Amino acid sequence: GPDSETLLSQVREAIDDDLNLPKACEIIDDFAVKMIEGSGNDSDAKTALTKAAELLGVDLNSV
């Protein structure tokens, strides 16, 4: 999948930017689309997506 370190860094930056949750959601959504498309080769992409969602209070493991 796409680069997981970049995802987590960008989501944290959006949250740190006056809780810019729409931007954080957009970053997570773009990452998920890239995963679905098979972009990149980061084997930790699924874990990173789960962690990024948890930063917003969303538990993807319960879905």
N, C-alpha and C. Protein backbone atom coordinates (compact mmCIF):
# COMPACT_ATOMS: atom_id res chain seq x y z
N GLY A 1 0.81 -1.19 0.00
CA GLY A 1 0.00 0.00 0.00
C GLY A 1 0.85 1.25 0.00
N PRO A 2 0.21 2.39 0.07
CA PRO A 2 0.92 3.67 0.11
C PRO A 2 1.74 3.82 1.38
N ASP A 3 2.54 4.86 1.48
CA ASP A 3 3.47 5.05 2.59
C ASP A 3 2.75 5.34 3.91
N SER A 4 2.88 4.43 4.86
CA SER A 4 2.16 4.55 6.13
C SER A 4 2.72 5.65 7.02
N GLU A 5 4.02 5.87 7.00
CA GLU A 5 4.61 6.92 7.84
C GLU A 5 4.10 8.29 7.42
N THR A 6 3.98 8.50 6.12
CA THR A 6 3.47 9.77 5.62
C THR A 6 2.03 9.97 6.06
N LEU A 7 1.22 8.93 5.99
CA LEU A 7 -0.18 9.03 6.41
C LEU A 7 -0.29 9.51 7.84
N LEU A 8 0.37 8.81 8.75
CA LEU A 8 0.26 9.16 10.17
C LEU A 8 0.78 10.56 10.44
N SER A 9 1.86 10.93 9.79
CA SER A 9 2.43 12.27 9.96
C SER A 9 1.45 13.34 9.48
N GLN A 10 0.86 13.13 8.31
CA GLN A 10 -0.07 14.12 7.76
C GLN A 10 -1.34 14.23 8.60
N VAL A 11 -1.84 13.12 9.10
CA VAL A 11 -3.05 13.16 9.93
C VAL A 11 -2.75 13.90 11.24
N ARG A 12 -1.62 13.61 11.84
CA ARG A 12 -1.25 14.31 13.08
C ARG A 12 -1.10 15.81 12.84
N GLU A 13 -0.50 16.19 11.71
CA GLU A 13 -0.35 17.61 11.38
C GLU A 13 -1.71 18.28 11.23
N ALA A 14 -2.65 17.61 10.57
CA ALA A 14 -3.99 18.17 10.40
C ALA A 14 -4.68 18.35 11.75
N ILE A 15 -4.54 17.37 12.62
CA ILE A 15 -5.15 17.46 13.95
C ILE A 15 -4.50 18.59 14.74
N ASP A 16 -3.18 18.71 14.63
CA ASP A 16 -2.46 19.78 15.33
C ASP A 16 -2.82 21.16 14.79
N ASP A 17 -3.32 21.22 13.56
CA ASP A 17 -3.69 22.48 12.94
C ASP A 17 -5.12 22.85 13.35
N ASP A 18 -5.28 23.21 14.59
CA ASP A 18 -6.58 23.64 15.12
C ASP A 18 -7.67 22.59 14.87
N LEU A 19 -7.30 21.33 15.11
CA LEU A 19 -8.23 20.20 14.92
C LEU A 19 -8.90 20.22 13.55
N ASN A 20 -8.09 20.30 12.52
CA ASN A 20 -8.61 20.32 11.15
C ASN A 20 -9.05 18.91 10.75
N LEU A 21 -10.17 18.49 11.32
CA LEU A 21 -10.67 17.13 11.08
C LEU A 21 -11.11 16.89 9.65
N PRO A 22 -11.70 17.87 8.96
CA PRO A 22 -12.01 17.62 7.55
C PRO A 22 -10.76 17.28 6.73
N LYS A 23 -9.67 17.97 6.99
CA LYS A 23 -8.42 17.69 6.28
C LYS A 23 -7.91 16.30 6.66
N ALA A 24 -7.96 15.96 7.94
CA ALA A 24 -7.51 14.64 8.39
C ALA A 24 -8.33 13.54 7.72
N CYS A 25 -9.64 13.73 7.63
CA CYS A 25 -10.51 12.74 6.97
C CYS A 25 -10.17 12.62 5.49
N GLU A 26 -9.90 13.74 4.85
CA GLU A 26 -9.53 13.74 3.43
C GLU A 26 -8.23 12.96 3.21
N ILE A 27 -7.27 13.15 4.09
CA ILE A 27 -5.99 12.45 3.99
C ILE A 27 -6.21 10.94 4.13
N ILE A 28 -7.01 10.56 5.12
CA ILE A 28 -7.29 9.13 5.34
C ILE A 28 -8.04 8.55 4.15
N ASP A 29 -9.01 9.29 3.63
CA ASP A 29 -9.78 8.83 2.47
C ASP A 29 -8.88 8.63 1.25
N ASP A 30 -8.02 9.60 0.98
CA ASP A 30 -7.09 9.48 -0.15
C ASP A 30 -6.19 8.26 0.00
N PHE A 31 -5.73 8.02 1.22
CA PHE A 31 -4.87 6.87 1.50
C PHE A 31 -5.63 5.57 1.24
N ALA A 32 -6.88 5.51 1.70
CA ALA A 32 -7.69 4.30 1.50
C ALA A 32 -7.92 4.03 0.01
N VAL A 33 -8.17 5.08 -0.75
CA VAL A 33 -8.35 4.93 -2.20
C VAL A 33 -7.09 4.37 -2.83
N LYS A 34 -5.93 4.88 -2.42
CA LYS A 34 -4.66 4.38 -2.96
C LYS A 34 -4.46 2.91 -2.60
N MET A 35 -4.88 2.53 -1.39
CA MET A 35 -4.78 1.12 -1.00
C MET A 35 -5.65 0.25 -1.90
N ILE A 36 -6.87 0.69 -2.14
CA ILE A 36 -7.81 -0.06 -2.98
C ILE A 36 -7.26 -0.20 -4.40
N GLU A 37 -6.64 0.86 -4.88
CA GLU A 37 -6.08 0.85 -6.24
C GLU A 37 -4.79 0.04 -6.33
N GLY A 38 -4.25 -0.37 -5.18
CA GLY A 38 -3.02 -1.15 -5.18
C GLY A 38 -1.77 -0.32 -5.33
N SER A 39 -1.86 0.95 -5.01
CA SER A 39 -0.73 1.87 -5.12
C SER A 39 0.30 1.62 -4.02
N GLY A 40 1.58 1.66 -4.36
CA GLY A 40 2.65 1.52 -3.38
C GLY A 40 2.88 0.09 -2.97
N ASN A 41 3.85 -0.09 -2.08
CA ASN A 41 4.20 -1.44 -1.65
C ASN A 41 4.46 -1.53 -0.15
N ASP A 42 3.87 -0.63 0.63
CA ASP A 42 4.05 -0.62 2.08
C ASP A 42 3.16 -1.69 2.71
N SER A 43 3.78 -2.70 3.27
CA SER A 43 3.02 -3.81 3.87
C SER A 43 2.31 -3.41 5.16
N ASP A 44 2.67 -2.26 5.73
CA ASP A 44 2.04 -1.78 6.96
C ASP A 44 0.88 -0.83 6.69
N ALA A 45 0.45 -0.72 5.45
CA ALA A 45 -0.58 0.26 5.09
C ALA A 45 -1.88 0.03 5.85
N LYS A 46 -2.32 -1.21 5.97
CA LYS A 46 -3.59 -1.49 6.67
C LYS A 46 -3.50 -1.09 8.14
N THR A 47 -2.39 -1.42 8.76
CA THR A 47 -2.19 -1.05 10.17
C THR A 47 -2.16 0.47 10.32
N ALA A 48 -1.50 1.15 9.40
CA ALA A 48 -1.42 2.60 9.46
C ALA A 48 -2.80 3.23 9.28
N LEU A 49 -3.59 2.69 8.37
CA LEU A 49 -4.94 3.20 8.16
C LEU A 49 -5.77 3.05 9.44
N THR A 50 -5.64 1.91 10.09
CA THR A 50 -6.35 1.67 11.34
C THR A 50 -5.90 2.65 12.42
N LYS A 51 -4.59 2.87 12.53
CA LYS A 51 -4.06 3.81 13.54
C LYS A 51 -4.50 5.24 13.25
N ALA A 52 -4.49 5.63 11.98
CA ALA A 52 -4.91 6.98 11.62
C ALA A 52 -6.37 7.20 11.98
N ALA A 53 -7.21 6.22 11.70
CA ALA A 53 -8.63 6.32 12.06
C ALA A 53 -8.80 6.41 13.57
N GLU A 54 -7.99 5.66 14.31
CA GLU A 54 -8.07 5.70 15.77
C GLU A 54 -7.72 7.09 16.30
N LEU A 55 -6.84 7.82 15.61
CA LEU A 55 -6.52 9.18 16.03
C LEU A 55 -7.76 10.08 15.99
N LEU A 56 -8.72 9.70 15.15
CA LEU A 56 -9.97 10.45 15.05
C LEU A 56 -11.09 9.82 15.86
N GLY A 57 -10.76 8.77 16.61
CA GLY A 57 -11.75 8.12 17.46
C GLY A 57 -12.57 7.06 16.75
N VAL A 58 -12.11 6.60 15.59
CA VAL A 58 -12.83 5.59 14.81
C VAL A 58 -12.10 4.27 14.93
N ASP A 59 -12.81 3.23 15.38
CA ASP A 59 -12.22 1.90 15.53
C ASP A 59 -12.61 1.05 14.33
N LEU A 60 -11.70 0.93 13.36
CA LEU A 60 -11.99 0.15 12.15
C LEU A 60 -12.02 -1.34 12.42
N ASN A 61 -11.47 -1.78 13.53
CA ASN A 61 -11.49 -3.21 13.86
C ASN A 61 -12.87 -3.68 14.27
N SER A 62 -13.74 -2.76 14.64
CA SER A 62 -15.09 -3.14 15.07
C SER A 62 -16.11 -3.03 13.94
N VAL A 63 -15.65 -2.66 12.76
CA VAL A 63 -16.56 -2.47 11.62
C VAL A 63 -16.68 -3.76 10.85
